[in-house]
Amino acid sequence: MRAYLKIVPVELYGPEGSMKVHALLDEGSTVTLIDEQVANRIGAKGRREALRVSSVGGNEITDEKSRVIRVKIKGLFSRNLKLMTAQTIRNLKLAPQRVERATVAACSHLTDIAENLIYDAAAPCILIGQDNWGLIVSRQIKSGRANQPAASLTQLGWVLHGCCSSLSRPINTVHHLRPSDASDIELNDIVKRHFEIESLGVAPRKPSHDPEERGRSCC
């Protein structure tokens, strides 16, 4: 079984031009991120604000040179431009994804929007989170069987997502990001020290049926 993330081709506009890229619509993220190189190419300017992002497993990403920028964005098959606020990040490095024609052709419920869903392998340069929820929320859904992908209509156009039967073994991807601050880090340290102190001198209790304990009692 293969799962598709909500990745959609978009066009980004800045003071010095536009650029066609792919965006990941990530409902598990509370922050919107744009790869720094993309922001520079369209001439997006903004104030500097250090970025500290907590992800899965407690990992933290830091970018002291991050900037808060405002750009205009639209889906590749949409006409309406939307204003979006985001933070730049060096080397966003999101996993690439492709949607093949054969995948969509096998889904009769997607026939009328097939051309809007197909794209070649591409790594997203933008991650759009809940701070821009209006862009990513599903306003209409087309679904088929449980083992087929669905498509959702957003302000950036139709986007494929969900599971699809596959013979190959996929590499699973999880995205969950939120900005962290100094208070989060301090609280984590306090909790860690608390459990370290609590564990001093405490040994795990073995169950009564443990063979080692029964052997000692017989001696």
N, C-alpha and C. Protein backbone atom coordinates (compact mmCIF):
# COMPACT_ATOMS: atom_id res chain seq x y z
N MET A 1 0.84 -1.19 0.00
CA MET A 1 0.00 0.00 0.00
C MET A 1 0.88 1.25 0.00
N ARG A 2 0.59 2.17 -0.87
CA ARG A 2 1.33 3.43 -0.95
C ARG A 2 0.41 4.57 -0.56
N ALA A 3 0.95 5.55 0.15
CA ALA A 3 0.16 6.71 0.56
C ALA A 3 0.69 7.98 -0.10
N TYR A 4 -0.23 8.80 -0.57
CA TYR A 4 0.13 10.08 -1.19
C TYR A 4 -0.13 11.22 -0.21
N LEU A 5 0.84 12.13 -0.12
CA LEU A 5 0.66 13.34 0.66
C LEU A 5 -0.02 14.40 -0.21
N LYS A 6 -0.57 15.41 0.43
CA LYS A 6 -1.23 16.50 -0.30
C LYS A 6 -0.18 17.45 -0.87
N ILE A 7 0.28 17.16 -2.06
CA ILE A 7 1.26 18.01 -2.75
C ILE A 7 0.61 18.54 -4.03
N VAL A 8 0.72 19.84 -4.24
CA VAL A 8 0.04 20.48 -5.36
C VAL A 8 0.99 21.45 -6.07
N PRO A 9 0.98 21.48 -7.40
CA PRO A 9 1.79 22.46 -8.13
C PRO A 9 1.19 23.86 -7.98
N VAL A 10 2.04 24.84 -7.70
CA VAL A 10 1.59 26.21 -7.48
C VAL A 10 2.51 27.19 -8.21
N GLU A 11 2.07 28.43 -8.26
CA GLU A 11 2.91 29.50 -8.79
C GLU A 11 3.03 30.57 -7.71
N LEU A 12 4.26 30.95 -7.42
CA LEU A 12 4.57 31.88 -6.34
C LEU A 12 5.01 33.21 -6.95
N TYR A 13 4.53 34.32 -6.38
CA TYR A 13 4.83 35.65 -6.92
C TYR A 13 5.50 36.52 -5.86
N GLY A 14 6.57 37.21 -6.28
CA GLY A 14 7.27 38.15 -5.42
C GLY A 14 7.58 39.42 -6.17
N PRO A 15 8.27 40.37 -5.51
CA PRO A 15 8.60 41.66 -6.14
C PRO A 15 9.44 41.54 -7.40
N GLU A 16 10.21 40.45 -7.53
CA GLU A 16 11.14 40.33 -8.66
C GLU A 16 10.79 39.20 -9.62
N GLY A 17 9.57 38.70 -9.54
CA GLY A 17 9.19 37.67 -10.49
C GLY A 17 8.33 36.57 -9.87
N SER A 18 8.11 35.54 -10.66
CA SER A 18 7.29 34.40 -10.22
C SER A 18 8.05 33.10 -10.45
N MET A 19 7.57 32.04 -9.82
CA MET A 19 8.25 30.75 -9.92
C MET A 19 7.23 29.63 -9.72
N LYS A 20 7.31 28.61 -10.59
CA LYS A 20 6.44 27.45 -10.46
C LYS A 20 7.14 26.39 -9.62
N VAL A 21 6.50 26.00 -8.52
CA VAL A 21 7.07 25.01 -7.60
C VAL A 21 5.94 24.10 -7.12
N HIS A 22 6.25 23.21 -6.19
CA HIS A 22 5.24 22.36 -5.57
C HIS A 22 5.14 22.68 -4.08
N ALA A 23 3.93 22.60 -3.56
CA ALA A 23 3.68 22.90 -2.15
C ALA A 23 3.07 21.68 -1.46
N LEU A 24 3.54 21.40 -0.25
CA LEU A 24 2.96 20.36 0.60
C LEU A 24 1.93 21.02 1.51
N LEU A 25 0.70 20.55 1.44
CA LEU A 25 -0.36 21.06 2.31
C LEU A 25 -0.38 20.19 3.56
N ASP A 26 0.20 20.72 4.63
CA ASP A 26 0.46 19.91 5.83
C ASP A 26 -0.43 20.36 6.98
N GLU A 27 -1.51 19.61 7.21
CA GLU A 27 -2.44 19.96 8.28
C GLU A 27 -1.88 19.64 9.66
N GLY A 28 -0.73 18.96 9.71
CA GLY A 28 -0.09 18.67 11.00
C GLY A 28 0.96 19.69 11.38
N SER A 29 1.07 20.76 10.59
CA SER A 29 2.07 21.80 10.87
C SER A 29 1.36 23.08 11.28
N THR A 30 1.95 23.80 12.23
CA THR A 30 1.38 25.08 12.66
C THR A 30 2.11 26.26 12.03
N VAL A 31 3.07 25.99 11.17
CA VAL A 31 3.86 27.06 10.56
C VAL A 31 4.02 26.79 9.06
N THR A 32 4.07 27.85 8.27
CA THR A 32 4.30 27.75 6.83
C THR A 32 5.75 28.10 6.53
N LEU A 33 6.41 27.24 5.76
CA LEU A 33 7.83 27.40 5.46
C LEU A 33 8.07 27.46 3.96
N ILE A 34 9.02 28.31 3.55
CA ILE A 34 9.44 28.41 2.15
C ILE A 34 10.95 28.26 2.09
N ASP A 35 11.42 27.43 1.17
CA ASP A 35 12.86 27.28 1.01
C ASP A 35 13.48 28.64 0.69
N GLU A 36 14.57 28.94 1.38
CA GLU A 36 15.21 30.25 1.28
C GLU A 36 15.58 30.60 -0.17
N GLN A 37 16.05 29.63 -0.93
CA GLN A 37 16.46 29.89 -2.31
C GLN A 37 15.28 30.33 -3.18
N VAL A 38 14.12 29.75 -2.94
CA VAL A 38 12.92 30.14 -3.69
C VAL A 38 12.53 31.57 -3.35
N ALA A 39 12.55 31.90 -2.06
CA ALA A 39 12.21 33.26 -1.63
C ALA A 39 13.15 34.28 -2.25
N ASN A 40 14.43 33.94 -2.31
CA ASN A 40 15.42 34.86 -2.88
C ASN A 40 15.20 35.07 -4.38
N ARG A 41 14.82 34.00 -5.07
CA ARG A 41 14.65 34.09 -6.53
C ARG A 41 13.49 35.00 -6.93
N ILE A 42 12.45 35.06 -6.10
CA ILE A 42 11.32 35.94 -6.43
C ILE A 42 11.44 37.29 -5.73
N GLY A 43 12.54 37.49 -5.01
CA GLY A 43 12.80 38.78 -4.37
C GLY A 43 11.95 39.08 -3.16
N ALA A 44 11.50 38.05 -2.45
CA ALA A 44 10.66 38.25 -1.27
C ALA A 44 11.50 38.79 -0.11
N LYS A 45 11.09 39.92 0.44
CA LYS A 45 11.80 40.55 1.55
C LYS A 45 10.98 40.44 2.82
N GLY A 46 11.65 40.57 3.96
CA GLY A 46 10.93 40.54 5.23
C GLY A 46 11.88 40.68 6.40
N ARG A 47 11.30 40.86 7.57
CA ARG A 47 12.12 41.04 8.78
C ARG A 47 12.75 39.72 9.19
N ARG A 48 13.92 39.81 9.79
CA ARG A 48 14.59 38.59 10.26
C ARG A 48 13.97 38.15 11.59
N GLU A 49 13.70 36.88 11.71
CA GLU A 49 13.14 36.30 12.94
C GLU A 49 13.62 34.86 13.06
N ALA A 50 14.35 34.57 14.12
CA ALA A 50 14.90 33.22 14.31
C ALA A 50 13.79 32.17 14.29
N LEU A 51 14.06 31.07 13.61
CA LEU A 51 13.08 29.99 13.49
C LEU A 51 13.54 28.78 14.28
N ARG A 52 12.69 28.32 15.18
CA ARG A 52 12.95 27.08 15.93
C ARG A 52 11.71 26.21 15.80
N VAL A 53 11.88 25.08 15.15
CA VAL A 53 10.75 24.21 14.85
C VAL A 53 10.94 22.86 15.50
N SER A 54 9.92 22.40 16.24
CA SER A 54 9.94 21.06 16.83
C SER A 54 9.21 20.11 15.89
N SER A 55 9.81 18.92 15.65
CA SER A 55 9.21 17.95 14.75
C SER A 55 9.03 16.61 15.45
N VAL A 56 8.73 15.57 14.70
CA VAL A 56 8.49 14.24 15.25
C VAL A 56 9.71 13.74 16.02
N GLY A 57 9.47 13.12 17.17
CA GLY A 57 10.56 12.57 17.97
C GLY A 57 11.30 13.61 18.78
N GLY A 58 10.76 14.82 18.87
CA GLY A 58 11.41 15.86 19.65
C GLY A 58 12.58 16.52 18.96
N ASN A 59 12.80 16.19 17.69
CA ASN A 59 13.89 16.82 16.94
C ASN A 59 13.59 18.30 16.72
N GLU A 60 14.64 19.10 16.75
CA GLU A 60 14.46 20.54 16.59
C GLU A 60 15.31 21.06 15.44
N ILE A 61 14.70 21.91 14.63
CA ILE A 61 15.38 22.56 13.51
C ILE A 61 15.50 24.04 13.84
N THR A 62 16.70 24.58 13.67
CA THR A 62 16.94 25.99 14.00
C THR A 62 17.51 26.72 12.79
N ASP A 63 17.00 27.90 12.53
CA ASP A 63 17.53 28.77 11.47
C ASP A 63 17.52 30.20 12.00
N GLU A 64 18.69 30.65 12.43
CA GLU A 64 18.80 31.98 13.03
C GLU A 64 18.63 33.09 12.00
N LYS A 65 18.77 32.78 10.71
CA LYS A 65 18.68 33.80 9.67
C LYS A 65 17.34 33.77 8.93
N SER A 66 16.37 33.08 9.50
CA SER A 66 15.05 33.00 8.88
C SER A 66 14.40 34.39 8.79
N ARG A 67 13.58 34.57 7.76
CA ARG A 67 12.86 35.82 7.57
C ARG A 67 11.36 35.55 7.46
N VAL A 68 10.56 36.47 7.98
CA VAL A 68 9.11 36.41 7.82
C VAL A 68 8.76 37.20 6.56
N ILE A 69 8.15 36.54 5.58
CA ILE A 69 7.87 37.19 4.30
C ILE A 69 6.39 37.04 3.94
N ARG A 70 5.95 37.90 3.02
CA ARG A 70 4.59 37.82 2.49
C ARG A 70 4.69 37.70 0.97
N VAL A 71 4.04 36.69 0.44
CA VAL A 71 4.08 36.45 -1.01
C VAL A 71 2.66 36.19 -1.50
N LYS A 72 2.51 36.19 -2.82
CA LYS A 72 1.24 35.81 -3.42
C LYS A 72 1.38 34.43 -4.04
N ILE A 73 0.32 33.65 -3.95
CA ILE A 73 0.37 32.27 -4.42
C ILE A 73 -0.94 31.90 -5.09
N LYS A 74 -0.85 31.02 -6.08
CA LYS A 74 -2.06 30.47 -6.70
C LYS A 74 -1.77 29.07 -7.19
N GLY A 75 -2.79 28.25 -7.28
CA GLY A 75 -2.62 26.93 -7.85
C GLY A 75 -2.33 27.04 -9.34
N LEU A 76 -1.62 26.06 -9.87
CA LEU A 76 -1.23 26.10 -11.28
C LEU A 76 -2.45 26.13 -12.19
N PHE A 77 -3.56 25.54 -11.73
CA PHE A 77 -4.78 25.50 -12.54
C PHE A 77 -5.84 26.45 -12.00
N SER A 78 -5.43 27.37 -11.13
CA SER A 78 -6.35 28.35 -10.56
C SER A 78 -6.03 29.74 -11.10
N ARG A 79 -6.97 30.65 -10.93
CA ARG A 79 -6.77 32.02 -11.40
C ARG A 79 -6.56 33.00 -10.25
N ASN A 80 -7.14 32.72 -9.11
CA ASN A 80 -7.14 33.68 -8.01
C ASN A 80 -5.84 33.64 -7.22
N LEU A 81 -5.23 34.82 -7.08
CA LEU A 81 -4.03 34.95 -6.25
C LEU A 81 -4.43 35.11 -4.79
N LYS A 82 -3.69 34.46 -3.90
CA LYS A 82 -3.93 34.56 -2.47
C LYS A 82 -2.66 35.07 -1.79
N LEU A 83 -2.85 35.89 -0.76
CA LEU A 83 -1.71 36.40 0.01
C LEU A 83 -1.35 35.38 1.08
N MET A 84 -0.07 35.13 1.26
CA MET A 84 0.39 34.12 2.22
C MET A 84 1.60 34.63 2.99
N THR A 85 1.57 34.46 4.31
CA THR A 85 2.71 34.79 5.17
C THR A 85 3.45 33.50 5.51
N ALA A 86 4.77 33.54 5.45
CA ALA A 86 5.57 32.34 5.71
C ALA A 86 6.93 32.73 6.26
N GLN A 87 7.67 31.72 6.73
CA GLN A 87 9.05 31.93 7.16
C GLN A 87 9.98 31.17 6.25
N THR A 88 11.11 31.78 5.94
CA THR A 88 12.10 31.11 5.10
C THR A 88 12.90 30.12 5.94
N ILE A 89 13.41 29.10 5.28
CA ILE A 89 14.24 28.11 5.95
C ILE A 89 15.28 27.60 4.96
N ARG A 90 16.49 27.41 5.42
CA ARG A 90 17.54 26.87 4.55
C ARG A 90 17.33 25.37 4.37
N ASN A 91 17.42 24.92 3.12
CA ASN A 91 17.35 23.48 2.82
C ASN A 91 16.12 22.81 3.43
N LEU A 92 14.97 23.14 2.91
CA LEU A 92 13.72 22.56 3.42
C LEU A 92 13.73 21.04 3.31
N LYS A 93 14.21 20.52 2.21
CA LYS A 93 14.46 19.08 2.03
C LYS A 93 13.25 18.20 2.35
N LEU A 94 12.17 18.42 1.66
CA LEU A 94 11.00 17.54 1.78
C LEU A 94 11.10 16.41 0.76
N ALA A 95 10.51 15.27 1.08
CA ALA A 95 10.60 14.10 0.21
C ALA A 95 9.86 14.34 -1.11
N PRO A 96 10.45 13.93 -2.24
CA PRO A 96 9.77 14.11 -3.54
C PRO A 96 8.61 13.13 -3.70
N GLN A 97 7.71 13.49 -4.57
CA GLN A 97 6.55 12.64 -4.86
C GLN A 97 6.12 12.87 -6.32
N ARG A 98 5.57 11.82 -6.95
CA ARG A 98 5.01 11.97 -8.30
C ARG A 98 3.64 11.32 -8.33
N VAL A 99 2.79 11.83 -9.18
CA VAL A 99 1.49 11.22 -9.42
C VAL A 99 1.44 10.83 -10.89
N GLU A 100 1.42 9.53 -11.15
CA GLU A 100 1.47 9.03 -12.52
C GLU A 100 0.07 8.96 -13.14
N ARG A 101 0.05 9.07 -14.45
CA ARG A 101 -1.21 9.02 -15.18
C ARG A 101 -1.95 7.70 -14.94
N ALA A 102 -1.20 6.60 -14.86
CA ALA A 102 -1.83 5.29 -14.66
C ALA A 102 -2.53 5.21 -13.31
N THR A 103 -1.97 5.86 -12.31
CA THR A 103 -2.58 5.85 -10.98
C THR A 103 -3.95 6.52 -11.00
N VAL A 104 -4.03 7.66 -11.65
CA VAL A 104 -5.29 8.41 -11.72
C VAL A 104 -6.27 7.72 -12.66
N ALA A 105 -5.77 7.15 -13.76
CA ALA A 105 -6.64 6.49 -14.73
C ALA A 105 -7.36 5.29 -14.13
N ALA A 106 -6.76 4.68 -13.10
CA ALA A 106 -7.36 3.51 -12.46
C ALA A 106 -8.49 3.90 -11.50
N CYS A 107 -8.71 5.20 -11.33
CA CYS A 107 -9.73 5.69 -10.38
C CYS A 107 -10.84 6.40 -11.15
N SER A 108 -11.96 5.74 -11.34
CA SER A 108 -13.05 6.31 -12.14
C SER A 108 -13.62 7.58 -11.52
N HIS A 109 -13.50 7.72 -10.20
CA HIS A 109 -14.05 8.90 -9.53
C HIS A 109 -13.20 10.15 -9.76
N LEU A 110 -12.03 9.98 -10.40
CA LEU A 110 -11.13 11.11 -10.64
C LEU A 110 -11.01 11.47 -12.12
N THR A 111 -11.79 10.82 -12.97
CA THR A 111 -11.66 10.98 -14.42
C THR A 111 -11.76 12.43 -14.87
N ASP A 112 -12.72 13.18 -14.34
CA ASP A 112 -12.98 14.53 -14.83
C ASP A 112 -11.96 15.56 -14.36
N ILE A 113 -11.10 15.20 -13.39
CA ILE A 113 -10.08 16.14 -12.91
C ILE A 113 -8.67 15.56 -13.06
N ALA A 114 -8.54 14.51 -13.85
CA ALA A 114 -7.27 13.78 -13.96
C ALA A 114 -6.10 14.69 -14.31
N GLU A 115 -6.27 15.58 -15.27
CA GLU A 115 -5.16 16.43 -15.73
C GLU A 115 -4.68 17.38 -14.64
N ASN A 116 -5.53 17.69 -13.69
CA ASN A 116 -5.15 18.59 -12.59
C ASN A 116 -4.34 17.89 -11.51
N LEU A 117 -4.33 16.56 -11.53
CA LEU A 117 -3.70 15.79 -10.45
C LEU A 117 -2.34 15.23 -10.81
N ILE A 118 -2.05 15.09 -12.09
CA ILE A 118 -0.83 14.42 -12.54
C ILE A 118 0.36 15.37 -12.55
N TYR A 119 1.49 14.92 -12.01
CA TYR A 119 2.73 15.70 -12.10
C TYR A 119 3.93 14.77 -11.97
N ASP A 120 5.06 15.21 -12.54
CA ASP A 120 6.30 14.45 -12.47
C ASP A 120 6.90 14.54 -11.07
N ALA A 121 7.91 13.69 -10.82
CA ALA A 121 8.55 13.68 -9.50
C ALA A 121 9.07 15.07 -9.15
N ALA A 122 8.70 15.54 -7.96
CA ALA A 122 9.11 16.87 -7.52
C ALA A 122 9.15 16.92 -6.01
N ALA A 123 10.15 17.61 -5.47
CA ALA A 123 10.24 17.83 -4.03
C ALA A 123 9.61 19.18 -3.71
N PRO A 124 8.67 19.24 -2.79
CA PRO A 124 8.03 20.52 -2.46
C PRO A 124 9.04 21.53 -1.91
N CYS A 125 8.91 22.77 -2.37
CA CYS A 125 9.75 23.87 -1.87
C CYS A 125 9.01 24.73 -0.86
N ILE A 126 7.73 24.41 -0.66
CA ILE A 126 6.88 25.14 0.29
C ILE A 126 6.13 24.13 1.14
N LEU A 127 6.02 24.40 2.43
CA LEU A 127 5.18 23.62 3.33
C LEU A 127 4.16 24.60 3.91
N ILE A 128 2.89 24.38 3.61
CA ILE A 128 1.84 25.28 4.07
C ILE A 128 1.12 24.64 5.25
N GLY A 129 1.12 25.34 6.38
CA GLY A 129 0.55 24.80 7.61
C GLY A 129 -0.75 25.49 8.02
N GLN A 130 -1.14 25.26 9.27
CA GLN A 130 -2.41 25.75 9.77
C GLN A 130 -2.46 27.27 9.94
N ASP A 131 -1.31 27.94 9.91
CA ASP A 131 -1.34 29.40 9.96
C ASP A 131 -1.88 29.99 8.66
N ASN A 132 -2.00 29.16 7.63
CA ASN A 132 -2.66 29.53 6.38
C ASN A 132 -3.74 28.51 6.05
N TRP A 133 -4.56 28.21 7.05
CA TRP A 133 -5.52 27.10 6.93
C TRP A 133 -6.49 27.29 5.76
N GLY A 134 -6.80 28.55 5.43
CA GLY A 134 -7.74 28.80 4.34
C GLY A 134 -7.27 28.26 3.01
N LEU A 135 -5.95 28.14 2.85
CA LEU A 135 -5.40 27.64 1.59
C LEU A 135 -5.45 26.12 1.49
N ILE A 136 -5.43 25.44 2.64
CA ILE A 136 -5.25 23.98 2.62
C ILE A 136 -6.49 23.18 2.99
N VAL A 137 -7.50 23.84 3.55
CA VAL A 137 -8.68 23.10 3.99
C VAL A 137 -9.43 22.53 2.79
N SER A 138 -9.96 21.31 2.94
CA SER A 138 -10.71 20.65 1.86
C SER A 138 -12.13 21.21 1.79
N ARG A 139 -12.52 21.69 0.61
CA ARG A 139 -13.84 22.27 0.42
C ARG A 139 -14.77 21.33 -0.34
N GLN A 140 -14.18 20.33 -0.96
CA GLN A 140 -14.95 19.30 -1.67
C GLN A 140 -14.05 18.07 -1.80
N ILE A 141 -14.63 16.88 -1.73
CA ILE A 141 -13.84 15.64 -1.79
C ILE A 141 -14.45 14.69 -2.81
N LYS A 142 -13.57 14.06 -3.59
CA LYS A 142 -13.97 12.97 -4.50
C LYS A 142 -13.27 11.71 -4.01
N SER A 143 -14.04 10.70 -3.63
CA SER A 143 -13.45 9.48 -3.08
C SER A 143 -14.03 8.25 -3.77
N GLY A 144 -13.24 7.17 -3.76
CA GLY A 144 -13.66 5.90 -4.34
C GLY A 144 -13.61 4.82 -3.29
N ARG A 145 -12.94 3.69 -3.62
CA ARG A 145 -12.81 2.60 -2.66
C ARG A 145 -11.74 2.93 -1.62
N ALA A 146 -11.70 2.12 -0.56
CA ALA A 146 -10.76 2.38 0.54
C ALA A 146 -9.31 2.26 0.11
N ASN A 147 -9.03 1.43 -0.90
CA ASN A 147 -7.65 1.24 -1.37
C ASN A 147 -7.31 2.14 -2.56
N GLN A 148 -8.12 3.17 -2.77
CA GLN A 148 -7.87 4.13 -3.83
C GLN A 148 -7.66 5.53 -3.24
N PRO A 149 -6.83 6.34 -3.89
CA PRO A 149 -6.63 7.70 -3.39
C PRO A 149 -7.87 8.56 -3.62
N ALA A 150 -7.98 9.61 -2.82
CA ALA A 150 -9.06 10.58 -2.97
C ALA A 150 -8.47 11.88 -3.50
N ALA A 151 -9.33 12.82 -3.82
CA ALA A 151 -8.88 14.15 -4.24
C ALA A 151 -9.71 15.19 -3.49
N SER A 152 -9.03 16.23 -3.02
CA SER A 152 -9.71 17.31 -2.30
C SER A 152 -9.53 18.62 -3.05
N LEU A 153 -10.59 19.41 -3.06
CA LEU A 153 -10.53 20.73 -3.69
C LEU A 153 -10.16 21.77 -2.63
N THR A 154 -9.08 22.49 -2.86
CA THR A 154 -8.63 23.56 -1.97
C THR A 154 -8.58 24.87 -2.76
N GLN A 155 -8.21 25.95 -2.10
CA GLN A 155 -8.06 27.23 -2.80
C GLN A 155 -6.90 27.20 -3.78
N LEU A 156 -6.04 26.19 -3.67
CA LEU A 156 -4.92 26.04 -4.59
C LEU A 156 -5.20 25.00 -5.66
N GLY A 157 -6.43 24.50 -5.69
CA GLY A 157 -6.81 23.54 -6.71
C GLY A 157 -7.04 22.14 -6.14
N TRP A 158 -7.27 21.18 -7.05
CA TRP A 158 -7.46 19.79 -6.65
C TRP A 158 -6.12 19.16 -6.28
N VAL A 159 -6.14 18.35 -5.23
CA VAL A 159 -4.91 17.69 -4.78
C VAL A 159 -5.21 16.24 -4.43
N LEU A 160 -4.36 15.34 -4.91
CA LEU A 160 -4.51 13.90 -4.64
C LEU A 160 -3.92 13.56 -3.28
N HIS A 161 -4.55 12.63 -2.58
CA HIS A 161 -4.01 12.17 -1.29
C HIS A 161 -4.66 10.85 -0.90
N GLY A 162 -4.05 10.16 0.06
CA GLY A 162 -4.61 8.91 0.54
C GLY A 162 -3.86 7.69 0.03
N CYS A 163 -4.43 6.52 0.27
CA CYS A 163 -3.76 5.25 -0.01
C CYS A 163 -4.07 4.73 -1.40
N CYS A 164 -3.11 3.94 -1.90
CA CYS A 164 -3.26 3.32 -3.22
C CYS A 164 -2.55 1.98 -3.19
N SER A 165 -3.17 0.93 -3.73
CA SER A 165 -2.54 -0.39 -3.78
C SER A 165 -1.24 -0.32 -4.56
N SER A 166 -0.19 -0.96 -4.02
CA SER A 166 1.12 -0.93 -4.66
C SER A 166 1.88 -2.19 -4.32
N LEU A 167 2.65 -2.70 -5.30
CA LEU A 167 3.46 -3.90 -5.07
C LEU A 167 4.80 -3.56 -4.42
N SER A 168 5.24 -2.32 -4.58
CA SER A 168 6.52 -1.92 -4.00
C SER A 168 6.34 -1.49 -2.55
N ARG A 169 7.43 -1.59 -1.79
CA ARG A 169 7.37 -1.20 -0.39
C ARG A 169 7.71 0.29 -0.26
N PRO A 170 6.79 1.11 0.25
CA PRO A 170 7.03 2.55 0.28
C PRO A 170 7.93 2.96 1.44
N ILE A 171 8.50 4.16 1.31
CA ILE A 171 9.21 4.80 2.42
C ILE A 171 8.22 5.73 3.08
N ASN A 172 7.88 5.47 4.34
CA ASN A 172 6.87 6.27 5.02
C ASN A 172 7.41 7.63 5.43
N THR A 173 6.57 8.64 5.33
CA THR A 173 6.95 10.01 5.67
C THR A 173 5.96 10.58 6.67
N VAL A 174 6.48 11.23 7.71
CA VAL A 174 5.63 11.87 8.70
C VAL A 174 6.04 13.33 8.83
N HIS A 175 5.07 14.23 8.77
CA HIS A 175 5.35 15.65 8.97
C HIS A 175 4.52 16.14 10.14
N HIS A 176 5.16 16.75 11.11
CA HIS A 176 4.45 17.41 12.20
C HIS A 176 5.38 18.48 12.72
N LEU A 177 5.09 19.71 12.44
CA LEU A 177 5.98 20.80 12.81
C LEU A 177 5.24 21.86 13.60
N ARG A 178 5.92 22.44 14.57
CA ARG A 178 5.38 23.60 15.27
C ARG A 178 6.53 24.45 15.76
N PRO A 179 6.37 25.78 15.75
CA PRO A 179 7.44 26.64 16.27
C PRO A 179 7.63 26.40 17.75
N SER A 180 8.87 26.35 18.22
CA SER A 180 9.15 26.19 19.64
C SER A 180 9.84 27.44 20.14
N ASP A 181 9.74 27.67 21.47
CA ASP A 181 10.41 28.82 22.05
C ASP A 181 11.23 28.39 23.25
N ALA A 182 11.87 29.34 23.89
CA ALA A 182 12.77 29.03 25.00
C ALA A 182 12.04 28.36 26.15
N SER A 183 10.77 28.73 26.39
CA SER A 183 10.03 28.15 27.51
C SER A 183 9.79 26.66 27.29
N ASP A 184 9.56 26.25 26.02
CA ASP A 184 9.40 24.82 25.71
C ASP A 184 10.66 24.05 26.06
N ILE A 185 11.82 24.59 25.66
CA ILE A 185 13.09 23.92 25.90
C ILE A 185 13.36 23.82 27.39
N GLU A 186 13.09 24.91 28.14
CA GLU A 186 13.33 24.91 29.59
C GLU A 186 12.42 23.90 30.28
N LEU A 187 11.15 23.83 29.88
CA LEU A 187 10.21 22.89 30.48
C LEU A 187 10.64 21.45 30.23
N ASN A 188 11.10 21.16 29.02
CA ASN A 188 11.57 19.81 28.70
C ASN A 188 12.74 19.41 29.58
N ASP A 189 13.66 20.35 29.83
CA ASP A 189 14.82 20.08 30.68
C ASP A 189 14.39 19.80 32.11
N ILE A 190 13.41 20.57 32.62
CA ILE A 190 12.93 20.38 33.99
C ILE A 190 12.30 19.00 34.15
N VAL A 191 11.45 18.62 33.19
CA VAL A 191 10.79 17.31 33.25
C VAL A 191 11.82 16.18 33.19
N LYS A 192 12.83 16.33 32.33
CA LYS A 192 13.86 15.32 32.19
C LYS A 192 14.63 15.14 33.50
N ARG A 193 15.01 16.27 34.14
CA ARG A 193 15.74 16.19 35.41
C ARG A 193 14.88 15.56 36.51
N HIS A 194 13.57 15.87 36.49
CA HIS A 194 12.67 15.32 37.50
C HIS A 194 12.66 13.79 37.46
N PHE A 195 12.52 13.24 36.25
CA PHE A 195 12.47 11.78 36.13
C PHE A 195 13.82 11.13 36.40
N GLU A 196 14.91 11.85 36.14
CA GLU A 196 16.23 11.32 36.48
C GLU A 196 16.38 11.19 37.99
N ILE A 197 15.90 12.19 38.73
CA ILE A 197 15.96 12.15 40.20
C ILE A 197 15.05 11.07 40.75
N GLU A 198 13.83 10.98 40.20
CA GLU A 198 12.86 9.99 40.67
C GLU A 198 13.36 8.56 40.48
N SER A 199 14.19 8.34 39.46
CA SER A 199 14.63 6.98 39.14
C SER A 199 15.83 6.55 39.97
N LEU A 200 16.45 7.46 40.75
CA LEU A 200 17.62 7.10 41.54
C LEU A 200 17.25 6.08 42.61
N GLY A 201 17.97 4.98 42.69
CA GLY A 201 17.75 3.98 43.73
C GLY A 201 16.53 3.13 43.53
N VAL A 202 15.87 3.24 42.43
CA VAL A 202 14.67 2.45 42.17
C VAL A 202 15.00 1.34 41.18
N ALA A 203 14.80 0.09 41.60
CA ALA A 203 15.08 -1.06 40.73
C ALA A 203 13.77 -1.64 40.25
N PRO A 204 13.72 -2.17 39.05
CA PRO A 204 12.48 -2.77 38.55
C PRO A 204 12.09 -3.99 39.37
N ARG A 205 10.81 -4.08 39.73
CA ARG A 205 10.31 -5.20 40.52
C ARG A 205 9.99 -6.36 39.61
N LYS A 206 10.52 -7.55 39.94
CA LYS A 206 10.30 -8.72 39.11
C LYS A 206 8.99 -9.40 39.50
N PRO A 207 8.27 -9.95 38.55
CA PRO A 207 7.01 -10.62 38.86
C PRO A 207 7.23 -11.85 39.74
N SER A 208 6.16 -12.25 40.48
CA SER A 208 6.26 -13.36 41.42
C SER A 208 6.56 -14.68 40.74
N HIS A 209 6.23 -14.82 39.49
CA HIS A 209 6.48 -16.08 38.78
C HIS A 209 7.85 -16.11 38.13
N ASP A 210 8.69 -15.09 38.39
CA ASP A 210 10.02 -15.04 37.79
C ASP A 210 10.83 -16.26 38.25
N PRO A 211 11.39 -17.08 37.35
CA PRO A 211 12.11 -18.31 37.73
C PRO A 211 13.33 -18.04 38.60
N GLU A 212 13.98 -16.90 38.41
CA GLU A 212 15.16 -16.57 39.21
C GLU A 212 14.78 -16.37 40.67
N GLU A 213 13.65 -15.68 40.91
CA GLU A 213 13.20 -15.45 42.27
C GLU A 213 12.77 -16.76 42.93
N ARG A 214 12.08 -17.65 42.18
CA ARG A 214 11.66 -18.93 42.77
C ARG A 214 12.87 -19.77 43.16
N GLY A 215 13.95 -19.71 42.36
CA GLY A 215 15.15 -20.48 42.65
C GLY A 215 15.80 -20.03 43.95
N ARG A 216 15.78 -18.72 44.19
CA ARG A 216 16.40 -18.20 45.42
C ARG A 216 15.60 -18.61 46.65
N SER A 217 14.28 -18.63 46.53
CA SER A 217 13.44 -18.95 47.68
C SER A 217 13.56 -20.42 48.08
N CYS A 218 13.99 -21.27 47.15
CA CYS A 218 14.13 -22.70 47.45
C CYS A 218 15.45 -23.02 48.11
N CYS A 219 16.41 -22.11 48.12
CA CYS A 219 17.73 -22.37 48.68
C CYS A 219 17.72 -22.23 50.20
